[in-house]
Amino acid sequence: MTTGARTPPTEPRGQKSAWEIATRSPAETIAFGNALASYLQDGDVILLHGDLGAGKTTLAKGIAGGLGVGDVVSSPSFSLVNEYYVDQAVTVSRLFHLDLYRLRDAGELASIGFDDLVASAEGVTLVEWPERAATVLPDRFLLIEILTVGSSHRLLRLVPSPDDGAWRDRLERLRSYVAANAS
């Protein structure tokens, strides 16, 4: 048995801040993750949703790199959770990276301290395969849906929840940064 449906978390109605960006290579996906990291803050929960091989871990590597994580970032498929310390120069305290793909039941969520990790104000939490925890997701998160549109092309759709001023402001600044630095 797995927890929750195998569909992405429900998108709030009337989204004004949802944003799509295309990347043409893993390097561009990593670069976008690097840029996104600059707009994250302690307490943020980022849900990475996509098919197997879509690029969730690639995006996570970019976010980790942008936060100054010096360790090799890999999918924590077997341990379920990896914790990384970040560069002291960034405003985020640490990075928690969860991969729920191998989750078998709700008891495993409790055993890894899922509720505490997504409620932590002392780091950013990235969750791969968030649909496995659909019934216990926090109220506040940024959903990033990753769609494969070619062998190396990806469409990233960012959907904040709730769609409030805090997310809207940061996503608008990120959008401006990406537009100004587009090649």
N, C-alpha and C. Protein backbone atom coordinates (compact mmCIF):
# COMPACT_ATOMS: atom_id res chain seq x y z
N MET A 1 0.84 -1.19 0.00
CA MET A 1 0.00 0.00 0.00
C MET A 1 0.88 1.24 0.00
N THR A 2 0.51 2.26 -0.76
CA THR A 2 1.22 3.54 -0.73
C THR A 2 0.29 4.58 -0.16
N THR A 3 0.87 5.66 0.32
CA THR A 3 0.04 6.72 0.88
C THR A 3 -0.38 7.68 -0.22
N GLY A 4 -1.59 8.10 -0.20
CA GLY A 4 -2.09 9.09 -1.14
C GLY A 4 -2.19 8.55 -2.56
N ALA A 5 -2.80 9.35 -3.39
CA ALA A 5 -2.95 9.01 -4.80
C ALA A 5 -1.63 9.23 -5.52
N ARG A 6 -1.52 8.67 -6.71
CA ARG A 6 -0.31 8.86 -7.51
C ARG A 6 -0.53 9.98 -8.52
N THR A 7 -1.19 11.00 -8.10
CA THR A 7 -1.40 12.19 -8.92
C THR A 7 -0.80 13.36 -8.18
N PRO A 8 -0.50 14.45 -8.87
CA PRO A 8 0.10 15.58 -8.18
C PRO A 8 -0.86 16.18 -7.17
N PRO A 9 -0.32 16.89 -6.19
CA PRO A 9 -1.20 17.57 -5.24
C PRO A 9 -2.16 18.48 -5.98
N THR A 10 -3.33 18.65 -5.43
CA THR A 10 -4.36 19.46 -6.07
C THR A 10 -3.90 20.90 -6.20
N GLU A 11 -4.08 21.42 -7.39
CA GLU A 11 -3.72 22.80 -7.65
C GLU A 11 -4.85 23.71 -7.18
N PRO A 12 -4.50 24.73 -6.38
CA PRO A 12 -5.53 25.67 -5.95
C PRO A 12 -6.18 26.37 -7.14
N ARG A 13 -7.44 26.65 -7.03
CA ARG A 13 -8.18 27.31 -8.11
C ARG A 13 -7.75 28.77 -8.23
N GLY A 14 -7.89 29.33 -9.41
CA GLY A 14 -7.63 30.75 -9.64
C GLY A 14 -6.17 31.13 -9.50
N GLN A 15 -5.26 30.24 -9.84
CA GLN A 15 -3.84 30.54 -9.73
C GLN A 15 -3.48 31.73 -10.60
N LYS A 16 -2.87 32.73 -9.99
CA LYS A 16 -2.39 33.88 -10.74
C LYS A 16 -0.90 33.82 -10.94
N SER A 17 -0.20 33.13 -10.04
CA SER A 17 1.25 33.12 -10.07
C SER A 17 1.85 31.91 -10.73
N ALA A 18 1.05 30.96 -11.20
CA ALA A 18 1.61 29.79 -11.87
C ALA A 18 2.45 30.26 -13.05
N TRP A 19 3.59 29.60 -13.23
CA TRP A 19 4.55 30.04 -14.23
C TRP A 19 5.21 28.83 -14.87
N GLU A 20 5.38 28.86 -16.17
CA GLU A 20 6.04 27.78 -16.88
C GLU A 20 7.34 28.28 -17.49
N ILE A 21 8.36 27.43 -17.41
CA ILE A 21 9.63 27.75 -18.03
C ILE A 21 10.16 26.48 -18.69
N ALA A 22 10.69 26.63 -19.88
CA ALA A 22 11.24 25.49 -20.61
C ALA A 22 12.75 25.47 -20.44
N THR A 23 13.29 24.26 -20.26
CA THR A 23 14.74 24.08 -20.27
C THR A 23 15.07 23.11 -21.39
N ARG A 24 16.23 23.30 -22.01
CA ARG A 24 16.60 22.50 -23.18
C ARG A 24 17.68 21.46 -22.91
N SER A 25 18.13 21.39 -21.66
CA SER A 25 19.19 20.43 -21.32
C SER A 25 19.25 20.27 -19.81
N PRO A 26 19.87 19.20 -19.34
CA PRO A 26 20.07 19.07 -17.90
C PRO A 26 20.83 20.27 -17.32
N ALA A 27 21.79 20.80 -18.07
CA ALA A 27 22.56 21.95 -17.59
C ALA A 27 21.65 23.17 -17.37
N GLU A 28 20.68 23.37 -18.26
CA GLU A 28 19.74 24.48 -18.09
C GLU A 28 18.81 24.23 -16.90
N THR A 29 18.42 22.98 -16.67
CA THR A 29 17.58 22.66 -15.51
C THR A 29 18.36 22.93 -14.23
N ILE A 30 19.62 22.56 -14.20
CA ILE A 30 20.48 22.84 -13.04
C ILE A 30 20.63 24.35 -12.85
N ALA A 31 20.85 25.08 -13.95
CA ALA A 31 21.00 26.54 -13.86
C ALA A 31 19.73 27.18 -13.31
N PHE A 32 18.56 26.69 -13.73
CA PHE A 32 17.31 27.22 -13.19
C PHE A 32 17.22 26.93 -11.69
N GLY A 33 17.59 25.72 -11.27
CA GLY A 33 17.61 25.39 -9.85
C GLY A 33 18.53 26.31 -9.06
N ASN A 34 19.69 26.63 -9.64
CA ASN A 34 20.61 27.57 -9.00
C ASN A 34 19.95 28.93 -8.81
N ALA A 35 19.26 29.40 -9.84
CA ALA A 35 18.57 30.69 -9.76
C ALA A 35 17.45 30.65 -8.72
N LEU A 36 16.65 29.60 -8.74
CA LEU A 36 15.55 29.46 -7.79
C LEU A 36 16.06 29.49 -6.35
N ALA A 37 17.19 28.85 -6.10
CA ALA A 37 17.74 28.78 -4.74
C ALA A 37 17.92 30.16 -4.12
N SER A 38 18.24 31.15 -4.93
CA SER A 38 18.45 32.50 -4.43
C SER A 38 17.19 33.14 -3.86
N TYR A 39 16.04 32.58 -4.20
CA TYR A 39 14.77 33.15 -3.76
C TYR A 39 14.09 32.29 -2.69
N LEU A 40 14.77 31.27 -2.22
CA LEU A 40 14.21 30.40 -1.18
C LEU A 40 14.62 30.89 0.19
N GLN A 41 13.84 30.50 1.17
CA GLN A 41 14.14 30.89 2.55
C GLN A 41 13.77 29.75 3.49
N ASP A 42 14.33 29.80 4.68
CA ASP A 42 14.03 28.77 5.67
C ASP A 42 12.52 28.62 5.82
N GLY A 43 12.08 27.38 5.90
CA GLY A 43 10.66 27.08 6.04
C GLY A 43 9.97 26.74 4.73
N ASP A 44 10.63 27.01 3.60
CA ASP A 44 10.02 26.70 2.31
C ASP A 44 9.99 25.19 2.07
N VAL A 45 8.89 24.73 1.49
CA VAL A 45 8.74 23.34 1.08
C VAL A 45 8.53 23.35 -0.43
N ILE A 46 9.40 22.64 -1.14
CA ILE A 46 9.34 22.58 -2.59
C ILE A 46 8.99 21.15 -2.99
N LEU A 47 7.87 20.98 -3.67
CA LEU A 47 7.41 19.66 -4.11
C LEU A 47 7.81 19.47 -5.56
N LEU A 48 8.58 18.42 -5.83
CA LEU A 48 9.05 18.13 -7.18
C LEU A 48 8.26 16.94 -7.72
N HIS A 49 7.40 17.22 -8.68
CA HIS A 49 6.51 16.19 -9.22
C HIS A 49 6.84 15.94 -10.68
N GLY A 50 6.98 14.69 -11.05
CA GLY A 50 7.22 14.33 -12.45
C GLY A 50 7.43 12.83 -12.56
N ASP A 51 7.37 12.34 -13.78
CA ASP A 51 7.58 10.92 -14.03
C ASP A 51 9.00 10.52 -13.68
N LEU A 52 9.22 9.24 -13.59
CA LEU A 52 10.54 8.68 -13.38
C LEU A 52 11.46 9.18 -14.50
N GLY A 53 12.59 9.75 -14.15
CA GLY A 53 13.53 10.26 -15.14
C GLY A 53 13.21 11.64 -15.68
N ALA A 54 12.21 12.31 -15.12
CA ALA A 54 11.81 13.63 -15.63
C ALA A 54 12.83 14.72 -15.32
N GLY A 55 13.60 14.55 -14.26
CA GLY A 55 14.59 15.57 -13.92
C GLY A 55 14.43 16.15 -12.53
N LYS A 56 13.71 15.46 -11.66
CA LYS A 56 13.51 15.96 -10.30
C LYS A 56 14.84 16.09 -9.56
N THR A 57 15.66 15.05 -9.63
CA THR A 57 16.94 15.09 -8.93
C THR A 57 17.89 16.07 -9.61
N THR A 58 17.81 16.22 -10.91
CA THR A 58 18.63 17.21 -11.62
C THR A 58 18.30 18.61 -11.11
N LEU A 59 17.01 18.91 -10.99
CA LEU A 59 16.60 20.21 -10.45
C LEU A 59 17.06 20.35 -9.00
N ALA A 60 16.93 19.29 -8.22
CA ALA A 60 17.39 19.32 -6.82
C ALA A 60 18.88 19.62 -6.74
N LYS A 61 19.67 19.06 -7.66
CA LYS A 61 21.12 19.33 -7.69
C LYS A 61 21.37 20.82 -7.94
N GLY A 62 20.58 21.40 -8.83
CA GLY A 62 20.73 22.83 -9.11
C GLY A 62 20.39 23.68 -7.90
N ILE A 63 19.30 23.34 -7.22
CA ILE A 63 18.91 24.09 -6.02
C ILE A 63 20.00 23.95 -4.96
N ALA A 64 20.49 22.73 -4.76
CA ALA A 64 21.54 22.50 -3.77
C ALA A 64 22.80 23.29 -4.12
N GLY A 65 23.16 23.28 -5.39
CA GLY A 65 24.33 24.05 -5.82
C GLY A 65 24.16 25.53 -5.56
N GLY A 66 22.95 26.04 -5.81
CA GLY A 66 22.66 27.45 -5.57
C GLY A 66 22.70 27.82 -4.10
N LEU A 67 22.50 26.83 -3.24
CA LEU A 67 22.57 27.06 -1.79
C LEU A 67 23.98 26.82 -1.25
N GLY A 68 24.89 26.44 -2.13
CA GLY A 68 26.28 26.24 -1.71
C GLY A 68 26.55 24.89 -1.07
N VAL A 69 25.70 23.91 -1.35
CA VAL A 69 25.95 22.56 -0.82
C VAL A 69 27.20 22.02 -1.51
N GLY A 70 28.18 21.63 -0.72
CA GLY A 70 29.43 21.12 -1.28
C GLY A 70 29.42 19.64 -1.54
N ASP A 71 28.47 18.92 -0.95
CA ASP A 71 28.40 17.46 -1.12
C ASP A 71 27.83 17.10 -2.49
N VAL A 72 28.08 15.86 -2.88
CA VAL A 72 27.44 15.32 -4.09
C VAL A 72 25.97 15.10 -3.74
N VAL A 73 25.09 15.66 -4.54
CA VAL A 73 23.66 15.51 -4.30
C VAL A 73 23.13 14.40 -5.18
N SER A 74 22.52 13.42 -4.54
CA SER A 74 21.92 12.32 -5.28
C SER A 74 20.53 12.06 -4.70
N SER A 75 19.74 11.33 -5.44
CA SER A 75 18.41 11.01 -4.96
C SER A 75 18.49 10.09 -3.74
N PRO A 76 17.84 10.47 -2.65
CA PRO A 76 17.88 9.62 -1.46
C PRO A 76 16.86 8.48 -1.52
N SER A 77 16.84 7.76 -2.64
CA SER A 77 15.83 6.72 -2.87
C SER A 77 15.82 5.65 -1.80
N PHE A 78 16.98 5.27 -1.30
CA PHE A 78 17.02 4.18 -0.33
C PHE A 78 16.99 4.67 1.11
N SER A 79 17.56 5.85 1.37
CA SER A 79 17.52 6.39 2.74
C SER A 79 16.28 7.24 2.97
N LEU A 80 15.60 7.63 1.92
CA LEU A 80 14.41 8.49 1.92
C LEU A 80 14.71 9.95 2.22
N VAL A 81 15.71 10.25 3.09
CA VAL A 81 16.02 11.63 3.46
C VAL A 81 17.53 11.85 3.46
N ASN A 82 17.97 12.93 2.82
CA ASN A 82 19.35 13.40 2.95
C ASN A 82 19.29 14.81 3.51
N GLU A 83 20.20 15.12 4.39
CA GLU A 83 20.30 16.46 4.95
C GLU A 83 21.64 17.04 4.54
N TYR A 84 21.62 18.27 4.04
CA TYR A 84 22.84 18.93 3.60
C TYR A 84 23.00 20.26 4.32
N TYR A 85 24.23 20.55 4.67
CA TYR A 85 24.53 21.86 5.23
C TYR A 85 24.92 22.76 4.08
N VAL A 86 24.52 24.01 4.16
CA VAL A 86 24.69 24.94 3.06
C VAL A 86 25.80 25.93 3.37
N ASP A 87 26.20 26.65 2.35
CA ASP A 87 27.21 27.68 2.48
C ASP A 87 26.75 28.72 3.51
N GLN A 88 27.64 29.13 4.36
CA GLN A 88 27.27 30.10 5.40
C GLN A 88 26.88 31.45 4.83
N ALA A 89 27.22 31.71 3.58
CA ALA A 89 26.91 33.00 2.97
C ALA A 89 25.45 33.13 2.54
N VAL A 90 24.73 32.02 2.47
CA VAL A 90 23.32 32.08 2.05
C VAL A 90 22.42 32.20 3.28
N THR A 91 21.19 32.62 3.05
CA THR A 91 20.28 32.86 4.17
C THR A 91 19.55 31.61 4.63
N VAL A 92 19.67 30.52 3.89
CA VAL A 92 19.02 29.27 4.27
C VAL A 92 19.95 28.49 5.19
N SER A 93 19.40 27.86 6.23
CA SER A 93 20.21 27.15 7.22
C SER A 93 20.72 25.80 6.73
N ARG A 94 19.84 25.03 6.09
CA ARG A 94 20.22 23.71 5.56
C ARG A 94 19.17 23.25 4.57
N LEU A 95 19.48 22.14 3.93
CA LEU A 95 18.59 21.59 2.91
C LEU A 95 18.24 20.16 3.28
N PHE A 96 16.95 19.87 3.30
CA PHE A 96 16.46 18.51 3.48
C PHE A 96 15.95 18.04 2.13
N HIS A 97 16.38 16.87 1.68
CA HIS A 97 15.99 16.33 0.38
C HIS A 97 15.33 14.98 0.62
N LEU A 98 14.05 14.89 0.34
CA LEU A 98 13.28 13.66 0.55
C LEU A 98 12.90 13.04 -0.78
N ASP A 99 13.00 11.74 -0.88
CA ASP A 99 12.54 11.02 -2.06
C ASP A 99 11.58 9.94 -1.56
N LEU A 100 10.31 10.11 -1.85
CA LEU A 100 9.28 9.22 -1.33
C LEU A 100 8.91 8.10 -2.30
N TYR A 101 9.69 7.91 -3.36
CA TYR A 101 9.36 6.92 -4.37
C TYR A 101 9.18 5.52 -3.79
N ARG A 102 10.06 5.11 -2.90
CA ARG A 102 10.02 3.75 -2.36
C ARG A 102 9.14 3.62 -1.11
N LEU A 103 8.44 4.67 -0.78
CA LEU A 103 7.57 4.64 0.39
C LEU A 103 6.50 3.58 0.24
N ARG A 104 6.33 2.76 1.24
CA ARG A 104 5.35 1.67 1.16
C ARG A 104 4.05 1.99 1.87
N ASP A 105 4.11 2.77 2.96
CA ASP A 105 2.87 3.08 3.69
C ASP A 105 3.05 4.33 4.54
N ALA A 106 1.95 4.79 5.11
CA ALA A 106 1.96 6.02 5.91
C ALA A 106 2.87 5.91 7.12
N GLY A 107 3.05 4.72 7.65
CA GLY A 107 3.94 4.54 8.79
C GLY A 107 5.36 4.95 8.48
N GLU A 108 5.78 4.74 7.24
CA GLU A 108 7.13 5.14 6.85
C GLU A 108 7.29 6.66 6.86
N LEU A 109 6.23 7.38 6.54
CA LEU A 109 6.29 8.85 6.62
C LEU A 109 6.59 9.27 8.05
N ALA A 110 5.91 8.66 8.99
CA ALA A 110 6.13 8.98 10.40
C ALA A 110 7.54 8.59 10.82
N SER A 111 8.04 7.46 10.33
CA SER A 111 9.36 6.98 10.76
C SER A 111 10.50 7.88 10.30
N ILE A 112 10.31 8.63 9.22
CA ILE A 112 11.35 9.56 8.78
C ILE A 112 11.12 10.97 9.31
N GLY A 113 10.07 11.15 10.11
CA GLY A 113 9.79 12.46 10.67
C GLY A 113 9.27 13.45 9.65
N PHE A 114 8.46 12.95 8.70
CA PHE A 114 7.96 13.78 7.60
C PHE A 114 7.30 15.06 8.10
N ASP A 115 6.39 14.94 9.06
CA ASP A 115 5.68 16.13 9.56
C ASP A 115 6.65 17.17 10.10
N ASP A 116 7.65 16.73 10.83
CA ASP A 116 8.64 17.66 11.39
C ASP A 116 9.48 18.30 10.29
N LEU A 117 9.85 17.51 9.28
CA LEU A 117 10.69 18.03 8.21
C LEU A 117 9.96 19.10 7.40
N VAL A 118 8.69 18.87 7.06
CA VAL A 118 7.97 19.86 6.24
C VAL A 118 7.48 21.04 7.08
N ALA A 119 7.55 20.92 8.40
CA ALA A 119 7.16 22.03 9.27
C ALA A 119 8.38 22.81 9.77
N SER A 120 9.58 22.34 9.43
CA SER A 120 10.80 22.95 9.94
C SER A 120 10.99 24.37 9.41
N ALA A 121 11.31 25.27 10.31
CA ALA A 121 11.64 26.64 9.93
C ALA A 121 13.15 26.80 9.85
N GLU A 122 13.87 25.68 9.93
CA GLU A 122 15.34 25.72 9.95
C GLU A 122 15.93 25.07 8.71
N GLY A 123 15.34 25.34 7.57
CA GLY A 123 15.87 24.83 6.33
C GLY A 123 14.82 24.80 5.25
N VAL A 124 15.25 24.46 4.05
CA VAL A 124 14.37 24.27 2.91
C VAL A 124 14.19 22.77 2.74
N THR A 125 12.98 22.34 2.46
CA THR A 125 12.69 20.92 2.27
C THR A 125 12.26 20.68 0.83
N LEU A 126 13.01 19.82 0.12
CA LEU A 126 12.65 19.39 -1.23
C LEU A 126 12.04 18.01 -1.12
N VAL A 127 10.88 17.80 -1.75
CA VAL A 127 10.20 16.51 -1.68
C VAL A 127 9.98 15.98 -3.09
N GLU A 128 10.69 14.89 -3.44
CA GLU A 128 10.43 14.20 -4.70
C GLU A 128 9.32 13.19 -4.46
N TRP A 129 8.45 13.00 -5.43
CA TRP A 129 7.29 12.10 -5.36
C TRP A 129 6.34 12.54 -4.23
N PRO A 130 5.94 13.82 -4.19
CA PRO A 130 5.07 14.30 -3.10
C PRO A 130 3.69 13.67 -3.09
N GLU A 131 3.27 13.11 -4.24
CA GLU A 131 1.95 12.48 -4.29
C GLU A 131 1.86 11.30 -3.33
N ARG A 132 2.99 10.75 -2.94
CA ARG A 132 3.01 9.64 -1.98
C ARG A 132 2.64 10.11 -0.57
N ALA A 133 2.63 11.41 -0.37
CA ALA A 133 2.29 11.99 0.93
C ALA A 133 1.15 13.00 0.78
N ALA A 134 0.33 12.82 -0.24
CA ALA A 134 -0.70 13.80 -0.59
C ALA A 134 -1.63 14.15 0.57
N THR A 135 -1.89 13.20 1.44
CA THR A 135 -2.85 13.45 2.53
C THR A 135 -2.24 14.21 3.69
N VAL A 136 -0.91 14.38 3.71
CA VAL A 136 -0.27 15.04 4.86
C VAL A 136 0.67 16.17 4.44
N LEU A 137 0.48 16.70 3.23
CA LEU A 137 1.32 17.81 2.79
C LEU A 137 1.00 19.06 3.59
N PRO A 138 1.97 19.93 3.76
CA PRO A 138 1.71 21.18 4.48
C PRO A 138 0.79 22.10 3.67
N ASP A 139 0.28 23.12 4.31
CA ASP A 139 -0.60 24.08 3.62
C ASP A 139 0.18 24.99 2.68
N ARG A 140 1.46 25.20 2.97
CA ARG A 140 2.27 26.15 2.21
C ARG A 140 3.39 25.40 1.50
N PHE A 141 3.43 25.52 0.16
CA PHE A 141 4.48 24.87 -0.62
C PHE A 141 4.55 25.49 -2.01
N LEU A 142 5.63 25.17 -2.71
CA LEU A 142 5.76 25.50 -4.12
C LEU A 142 5.83 24.18 -4.87
N LEU A 143 4.83 23.91 -5.67
CA LEU A 143 4.79 22.71 -6.49
C LEU A 143 5.51 23.01 -7.80
N ILE A 144 6.47 22.15 -8.16
CA ILE A 144 7.13 22.25 -9.46
C ILE A 144 6.85 20.96 -10.20
N GLU A 145 6.01 21.08 -11.22
CA GLU A 145 5.70 19.93 -12.06
C GLU A 145 6.72 19.91 -13.19
N ILE A 146 7.34 18.76 -13.43
CA ILE A 146 8.37 18.63 -14.46
C ILE A 146 7.84 17.69 -15.54
N LEU A 147 7.69 18.22 -16.73
CA LEU A 147 7.18 17.45 -17.85
C LEU A 147 8.29 17.23 -18.87
N THR A 148 8.42 16.01 -19.35
CA THR A 148 9.39 15.67 -20.38
C THR A 148 8.77 16.00 -21.73
N VAL A 149 9.44 16.86 -22.49
CA VAL A 149 8.93 17.24 -23.81
C VAL A 149 9.91 16.90 -24.91
N GLY A 150 10.88 16.09 -24.61
CA GLY A 150 11.89 15.64 -25.57
C GLY A 150 12.97 14.93 -24.79
N SER A 151 13.98 14.45 -25.47
CA SER A 151 15.00 13.67 -24.77
C SER A 151 15.69 14.48 -23.67
N SER A 152 15.90 15.76 -23.89
CA SER A 152 16.54 16.57 -22.85
C SER A 152 15.77 17.85 -22.53
N HIS A 153 14.66 18.08 -23.23
CA HIS A 153 13.85 19.27 -22.98
C HIS A 153 12.84 19.00 -21.87
N ARG A 154 12.67 19.99 -21.00
CA ARG A 154 11.73 19.88 -19.89
C ARG A 154 10.88 21.14 -19.81
N LEU A 155 9.65 20.97 -19.37
CA LEU A 155 8.78 22.10 -19.07
C LEU A 155 8.56 22.07 -17.56
N LEU A 156 8.96 23.14 -16.90
CA LEU A 156 8.81 23.26 -15.46
C LEU A 156 7.64 24.20 -15.20
N ARG A 157 6.67 23.73 -14.44
CA ARG A 157 5.50 24.54 -14.09
C ARG A 157 5.52 24.77 -12.60
N LEU A 158 5.65 26.01 -12.20
CA LEU A 158 5.73 26.38 -10.79
C LEU A 158 4.36 26.87 -10.33
N VAL A 159 3.83 26.25 -9.29
CA VAL A 159 2.51 26.59 -8.77
C VAL A 159 2.62 26.79 -7.26
N PRO A 160 2.52 28.04 -6.80
CA PRO A 160 2.60 28.29 -5.36
C PRO A 160 1.28 28.01 -4.65
N SER A 161 1.39 27.56 -3.42
CA SER A 161 0.20 27.35 -2.60
C SER A 161 0.54 27.76 -1.17
N PRO A 162 -0.17 28.71 -0.62
CA PRO A 162 -1.24 29.48 -1.27
C PRO A 162 -0.66 30.49 -2.25
N ASP A 163 -1.49 30.96 -3.13
CA ASP A 163 -1.09 31.97 -4.10
C ASP A 163 -1.20 33.33 -3.41
N ASP A 164 -0.19 33.62 -2.59
CA ASP A 164 -0.25 34.85 -1.80
C ASP A 164 0.90 35.79 -2.17
N GLY A 165 0.93 36.93 -1.52
CA GLY A 165 1.93 37.95 -1.83
C GLY A 165 3.36 37.48 -1.62
N ALA A 166 3.59 36.66 -0.62
CA ALA A 166 4.95 36.19 -0.34
C ALA A 166 5.50 35.37 -1.50
N TRP A 167 4.74 34.37 -1.95
CA TRP A 167 5.18 33.58 -3.10
C TRP A 167 5.19 34.44 -4.36
N ARG A 168 4.14 35.22 -4.56
CA ARG A 168 4.01 36.01 -5.78
C ARG A 168 5.20 36.93 -5.97
N ASP A 169 5.63 37.60 -4.89
CA ASP A 169 6.75 38.53 -4.96
C ASP A 169 8.04 37.80 -5.34
N ARG A 170 8.31 36.69 -4.67
CA ARG A 170 9.55 35.96 -4.96
C ARG A 170 9.54 35.38 -6.37
N LEU A 171 8.41 34.82 -6.80
CA LEU A 171 8.36 34.27 -8.15
C LEU A 171 8.48 35.35 -9.22
N GLU A 172 7.91 36.51 -8.95
CA GLU A 172 8.03 37.61 -9.91
C GLU A 172 9.48 38.07 -10.02
N ARG A 173 10.19 38.15 -8.88
CA ARG A 173 11.61 38.53 -8.92
C ARG A 173 12.43 37.45 -9.65
N LEU A 174 12.11 36.18 -9.42
CA LEU A 174 12.80 35.10 -10.12
C LEU A 174 12.54 35.18 -11.62
N ARG A 175 11.29 35.40 -11.98
CA ARG A 175 10.92 35.53 -13.39
C ARG A 175 11.69 36.67 -14.06
N SER A 176 11.80 37.80 -13.38
CA SER A 176 12.55 38.94 -13.92
C SER A 176 14.03 38.59 -14.07
N TYR A 177 14.58 37.90 -13.10
CA TYR A 177 15.99 37.49 -13.15
C TYR A 177 16.22 36.55 -14.34
N VAL A 178 15.36 35.57 -14.50
CA VAL A 178 15.51 34.59 -15.59
C VAL A 178 15.38 35.30 -16.94
N ALA A 179 14.42 36.21 -17.07
CA ALA A 179 14.24 36.94 -18.33
C ALA A 179 15.47 37.80 -18.65
N ALA A 180 16.03 38.44 -17.66
CA ALA A 180 17.19 39.31 -17.86
C ALA A 180 18.44 38.50 -18.20
N ASN A 181 18.49 37.25 -17.80
CA ASN A 181 19.68 36.41 -18.02
C ASN A 181 19.48 35.35 -19.08
N ALA A 182 18.37 35.42 -19.82
CA ALA A 182 18.09 34.43 -20.88
C ALA A 182 19.11 34.58 -22.00
N SER A 183 19.50 33.44 -22.55
CA SER A 183 20.49 33.50 -23.64
C SER A 183 19.82 33.36 -24.98
